[in-house]
Amino acid sequence: MTVDVTANHPAVVDGLDVNEVKDGLVVYDPKTDRVHYLNATASIVFSVCDGAHDRADIARIVGTAFSLDEPPVDDVDECLATFEREGLLQ
């Protein structure tokens, strides 16, 4: 099943091993035996994919975190699409 991240409240799948590192997060998916290295921006996006925030909320959170004039909607959409392709979202 494909998740349309623009129309819902994305949430990270269960069972991932998430570890904080100096410049972001390292996420291990035991189902696929893949490791994902997330930079600071992707880490914020990933961290707020809890099912409570929609894509606009997430873009606003990222914009606030980096003191941006405008929420980075396109960048957040791209990040969410990558997470979806990698099977990290439900």
N, C-alpha and C. Protein backbone atom coordinates (compact mmCIF):
# COMPACT_ATOMS: atom_id res chain seq x y z
N MET A 1 0.83 -1.18 0.00
CA MET A 1 0.00 0.00 0.00
C MET A 1 0.88 1.24 0.00
N THR A 2 0.58 2.19 -0.86
CA THR A 2 1.33 3.44 -0.93
C THR A 2 0.69 4.47 -0.02
N VAL A 3 1.51 5.18 0.71
CA VAL A 3 1.04 6.22 1.62
C VAL A 3 1.10 7.55 0.89
N ASP A 4 0.00 8.29 0.87
CA ASP A 4 -0.01 9.63 0.31
C ASP A 4 0.29 10.60 1.44
N VAL A 5 1.57 10.97 1.57
CA VAL A 5 1.98 11.78 2.70
C VAL A 5 1.44 13.20 2.64
N THR A 6 0.94 13.64 1.50
CA THR A 6 0.40 14.99 1.42
C THR A 6 -1.03 15.06 1.94
N ALA A 7 -1.69 13.92 2.13
CA ALA A 7 -3.10 13.93 2.51
C ALA A 7 -3.35 13.38 3.90
N ASN A 8 -2.32 13.07 4.65
CA ASN A 8 -2.55 12.49 5.96
C ASN A 8 -1.54 13.01 6.98
N HIS A 9 -1.52 12.36 8.07
CA HIS A 9 -0.60 12.68 9.15
C HIS A 9 0.44 11.55 9.22
N PRO A 10 1.59 11.72 8.59
CA PRO A 10 2.56 10.63 8.52
C PRO A 10 3.04 10.18 9.90
N ALA A 11 3.26 8.88 9.99
CA ALA A 11 3.77 8.30 11.23
C ALA A 11 4.85 7.28 10.87
N VAL A 12 5.88 7.25 11.69
CA VAL A 12 6.98 6.32 11.50
C VAL A 12 6.50 4.91 11.82
N VAL A 13 6.97 3.93 11.07
CA VAL A 13 6.60 2.55 11.31
C VAL A 13 7.19 2.07 12.64
N ASP A 14 6.56 1.09 13.21
CA ASP A 14 7.05 0.49 14.46
C ASP A 14 8.25 -0.41 14.17
N GLY A 15 9.06 -0.60 15.17
CA GLY A 15 10.14 -1.58 15.09
C GLY A 15 11.47 -1.04 14.59
N LEU A 16 11.58 0.26 14.38
CA LEU A 16 12.84 0.84 13.93
C LEU A 16 13.75 1.09 15.14
N ASP A 17 15.04 0.92 14.94
CA ASP A 17 16.03 1.22 15.98
C ASP A 17 16.59 2.59 15.65
N VAL A 18 16.27 3.59 16.47
CA VAL A 18 16.65 4.97 16.21
C VAL A 18 17.67 5.41 17.25
N ASN A 19 18.80 5.94 16.77
CA ASN A 19 19.86 6.41 17.66
C ASN A 19 20.29 7.81 17.26
N GLU A 20 20.41 8.66 18.26
CA GLU A 20 20.86 10.03 18.02
C GLU A 20 22.37 10.04 17.88
N VAL A 21 22.87 10.77 16.90
CA VAL A 21 24.29 10.98 16.70
C VAL A 21 24.53 12.49 16.66
N LYS A 22 25.78 12.88 16.62
CA LYS A 22 26.14 14.30 16.70
C LYS A 22 25.39 15.18 15.71
N ASP A 23 25.24 14.74 14.48
CA ASP A 23 24.66 15.59 13.45
C ASP A 23 23.33 15.09 12.91
N GLY A 24 22.62 14.27 13.68
CA GLY A 24 21.32 13.79 13.23
C GLY A 24 20.91 12.50 13.90
N LEU A 25 20.36 11.60 13.09
CA LEU A 25 19.89 10.31 13.59
C LEU A 25 20.40 9.19 12.69
N VAL A 26 20.58 8.03 13.29
CA VAL A 26 20.83 6.81 12.55
C VAL A 26 19.63 5.91 12.81
N VAL A 27 18.98 5.47 11.74
CA VAL A 27 17.78 4.65 11.84
C VAL A 27 18.06 3.31 11.18
N TYR A 28 17.89 2.24 11.96
CA TYR A 28 18.07 0.89 11.43
C TYR A 28 16.71 0.23 11.30
N ASP A 29 16.45 -0.30 10.12
CA ASP A 29 15.20 -1.01 9.87
C ASP A 29 15.51 -2.51 9.81
N PRO A 30 15.18 -3.25 10.87
CA PRO A 30 15.51 -4.68 10.89
C PRO A 30 14.74 -5.49 9.84
N LYS A 31 13.59 -4.99 9.39
CA LYS A 31 12.82 -5.72 8.38
C LYS A 31 13.55 -5.76 7.04
N THR A 32 14.26 -4.68 6.72
CA THR A 32 14.98 -4.60 5.45
C THR A 32 16.49 -4.71 5.62
N ASP A 33 16.95 -4.72 6.87
CA ASP A 33 18.37 -4.75 7.20
C ASP A 33 19.09 -3.56 6.57
N ARG A 34 18.43 -2.39 6.63
CA ARG A 34 19.00 -1.17 6.07
C ARG A 34 19.22 -0.14 7.17
N VAL A 35 20.30 0.63 7.00
CA VAL A 35 20.62 1.72 7.91
C VAL A 35 20.42 3.03 7.15
N HIS A 36 19.76 3.98 7.79
CA HIS A 36 19.50 5.29 7.21
C HIS A 36 20.17 6.35 8.08
N TYR A 37 20.99 7.19 7.46
CA TYR A 37 21.66 8.28 8.16
C TYR A 37 20.90 9.57 7.85
N LEU A 38 20.30 10.16 8.85
CA LEU A 38 19.48 11.36 8.66
C LEU A 38 20.24 12.59 9.15
N ASN A 39 20.33 13.61 8.28
CA ASN A 39 20.96 14.86 8.69
C ASN A 39 20.03 15.59 9.66
N ALA A 40 20.44 16.77 10.08
CA ALA A 40 19.67 17.51 11.10
C ALA A 40 18.24 17.81 10.63
N THR A 41 18.10 18.24 9.39
CA THR A 41 16.77 18.57 8.88
C THR A 41 15.89 17.33 8.79
N ALA A 42 16.40 16.27 8.19
CA ALA A 42 15.64 15.03 8.06
C ALA A 42 15.31 14.46 9.44
N SER A 43 16.20 14.65 10.40
CA SER A 43 15.95 14.17 11.76
C SER A 43 14.76 14.86 12.40
N ILE A 44 14.63 16.17 12.16
CA ILE A 44 13.48 16.90 12.70
C ILE A 44 12.20 16.37 12.05
N VAL A 45 12.23 16.25 10.73
CA VAL A 45 11.05 15.74 10.02
C VAL A 45 10.67 14.36 10.56
N PHE A 46 11.64 13.47 10.66
CA PHE A 46 11.42 12.11 11.15
C PHE A 46 10.84 12.13 12.56
N SER A 47 11.39 12.97 13.40
CA SER A 47 10.99 13.01 14.81
C SER A 47 9.55 13.46 15.01
N VAL A 48 9.03 14.27 14.09
CA VAL A 48 7.66 14.74 14.25
C VAL A 48 6.66 13.96 13.41
N CYS A 49 7.12 12.89 12.78
CA CYS A 49 6.20 11.98 12.08
C CYS A 49 5.61 11.02 13.10
N ASP A 50 4.67 11.55 13.86
CA ASP A 50 4.06 10.80 14.96
C ASP A 50 2.57 10.58 14.77
N GLY A 51 2.07 10.95 13.58
CA GLY A 51 0.65 10.80 13.30
C GLY A 51 -0.18 11.97 13.78
N ALA A 52 0.41 12.88 14.54
CA ALA A 52 -0.32 14.03 15.06
C ALA A 52 -0.16 15.28 14.19
N HIS A 53 0.88 15.28 13.34
CA HIS A 53 1.17 16.46 12.52
C HIS A 53 0.94 16.15 11.04
N ASP A 54 0.34 17.11 10.33
CA ASP A 54 0.25 16.95 8.89
C ASP A 54 1.48 17.58 8.24
N ARG A 55 1.57 17.49 6.91
CA ARG A 55 2.76 17.95 6.21
C ARG A 55 3.00 19.43 6.42
N ALA A 56 1.94 20.23 6.47
CA ALA A 56 2.10 21.68 6.70
C ALA A 56 2.64 21.95 8.10
N ASP A 57 2.14 21.20 9.10
CA ASP A 57 2.65 21.34 10.47
C ASP A 57 4.15 21.04 10.50
N ILE A 58 4.53 19.96 9.84
CA ILE A 58 5.94 19.55 9.84
C ILE A 58 6.80 20.62 9.18
N ALA A 59 6.36 21.18 8.07
CA ALA A 59 7.11 22.24 7.40
C ALA A 59 7.26 23.46 8.32
N ARG A 60 6.20 23.81 9.04
CA ARG A 60 6.28 24.94 9.97
C ARG A 60 7.27 24.66 11.10
N ILE A 61 7.27 23.44 11.60
CA ILE A 61 8.20 23.06 12.68
C ILE A 61 9.64 23.17 12.19
N VAL A 62 9.91 22.67 10.99
CA VAL A 62 11.27 22.75 10.43
C VAL A 62 11.64 24.22 10.21
N GLY A 63 10.72 25.01 9.67
CA GLY A 63 10.99 26.43 9.46
C GLY A 63 11.33 27.15 10.74
N THR A 64 10.59 26.86 11.79
CA THR A 64 10.86 27.46 13.09
C THR A 64 12.21 27.02 13.65
N ALA A 65 12.53 25.74 13.51
CA ALA A 65 13.79 25.20 14.03
C ALA A 65 15.00 25.88 13.41
N PHE A 66 14.87 26.28 12.15
CA PHE A 66 15.99 26.89 11.43
C PHE A 66 15.78 28.39 11.19
N SER A 67 14.81 28.98 11.88
CA SER A 67 14.53 30.42 11.78
C SER A 67 14.37 30.89 10.34
N LEU A 68 13.61 30.13 9.55
CA LEU A 68 13.37 30.47 8.15
C LEU A 68 12.20 31.43 8.03
N ASP A 69 12.23 32.26 7.01
CA ASP A 69 11.14 33.20 6.77
C ASP A 69 9.86 32.49 6.34
N GLU A 70 10.02 31.42 5.59
CA GLU A 70 8.89 30.64 5.08
C GLU A 70 9.11 29.15 5.39
N PRO A 71 8.05 28.41 5.68
CA PRO A 71 8.21 26.96 5.89
C PRO A 71 8.73 26.30 4.61
N PRO A 72 9.67 25.37 4.72
CA PRO A 72 10.24 24.70 3.54
C PRO A 72 9.36 23.55 3.06
N VAL A 73 8.18 23.89 2.54
CA VAL A 73 7.19 22.89 2.18
C VAL A 73 7.73 21.88 1.16
N ASP A 74 8.37 22.36 0.09
CA ASP A 74 8.87 21.46 -0.95
C ASP A 74 9.94 20.51 -0.39
N ASP A 75 10.84 21.04 0.44
CA ASP A 75 11.88 20.20 1.02
C ASP A 75 11.29 19.14 1.95
N VAL A 76 10.30 19.53 2.73
CA VAL A 76 9.65 18.57 3.64
C VAL A 76 8.90 17.51 2.83
N ASP A 77 8.21 17.93 1.78
CA ASP A 77 7.52 16.96 0.92
C ASP A 77 8.50 15.95 0.33
N GLU A 78 9.65 16.44 -0.12
CA GLU A 78 10.68 15.55 -0.69
C GLU A 78 11.21 14.59 0.37
N CYS A 79 11.43 15.10 1.56
CA CYS A 79 11.92 14.25 2.65
C CYS A 79 10.88 13.18 3.00
N LEU A 80 9.62 13.57 3.11
CA LEU A 80 8.56 12.61 3.42
C LEU A 80 8.44 11.56 2.31
N ALA A 81 8.57 11.99 1.07
CA ALA A 81 8.50 11.04 -0.06
C ALA A 81 9.65 10.04 0.02
N THR A 82 10.82 10.51 0.41
CA THR A 82 11.97 9.60 0.57
C THR A 82 11.70 8.61 1.69
N PHE A 83 11.21 9.10 2.83
CA PHE A 83 10.88 8.20 3.93
C PHE A 83 9.85 7.16 3.48
N GLU A 84 8.87 7.59 2.70
CA GLU A 84 7.85 6.68 2.20
C GLU A 84 8.48 5.61 1.30
N ARG A 85 9.31 6.03 0.35
CA ARG A 85 9.98 5.07 -0.56
C ARG A 85 10.82 4.07 0.21
N GLU A 86 11.43 4.52 1.30
CA GLU A 86 12.31 3.66 2.09
C GLU A 86 11.53 2.80 3.08
N GLY A 87 10.21 2.95 3.13
CA GLY A 87 9.39 2.13 4.01
C GLY A 87 9.42 2.54 5.47
N LEU A 88 9.77 3.80 5.72
CA LEU A 88 9.87 4.27 7.10
C LEU A 88 8.57 4.86 7.63
N LEU A 89 7.58 5.08 6.74
CA LEU A 89 6.31 5.63 7.17
C LEU A 89 5.19 4.62 7.00
N GLN A 90 4.19 4.72 7.87
CA GLN A 90 3.01 3.85 7.75
C GLN A 90 1.83 4.64 7.24
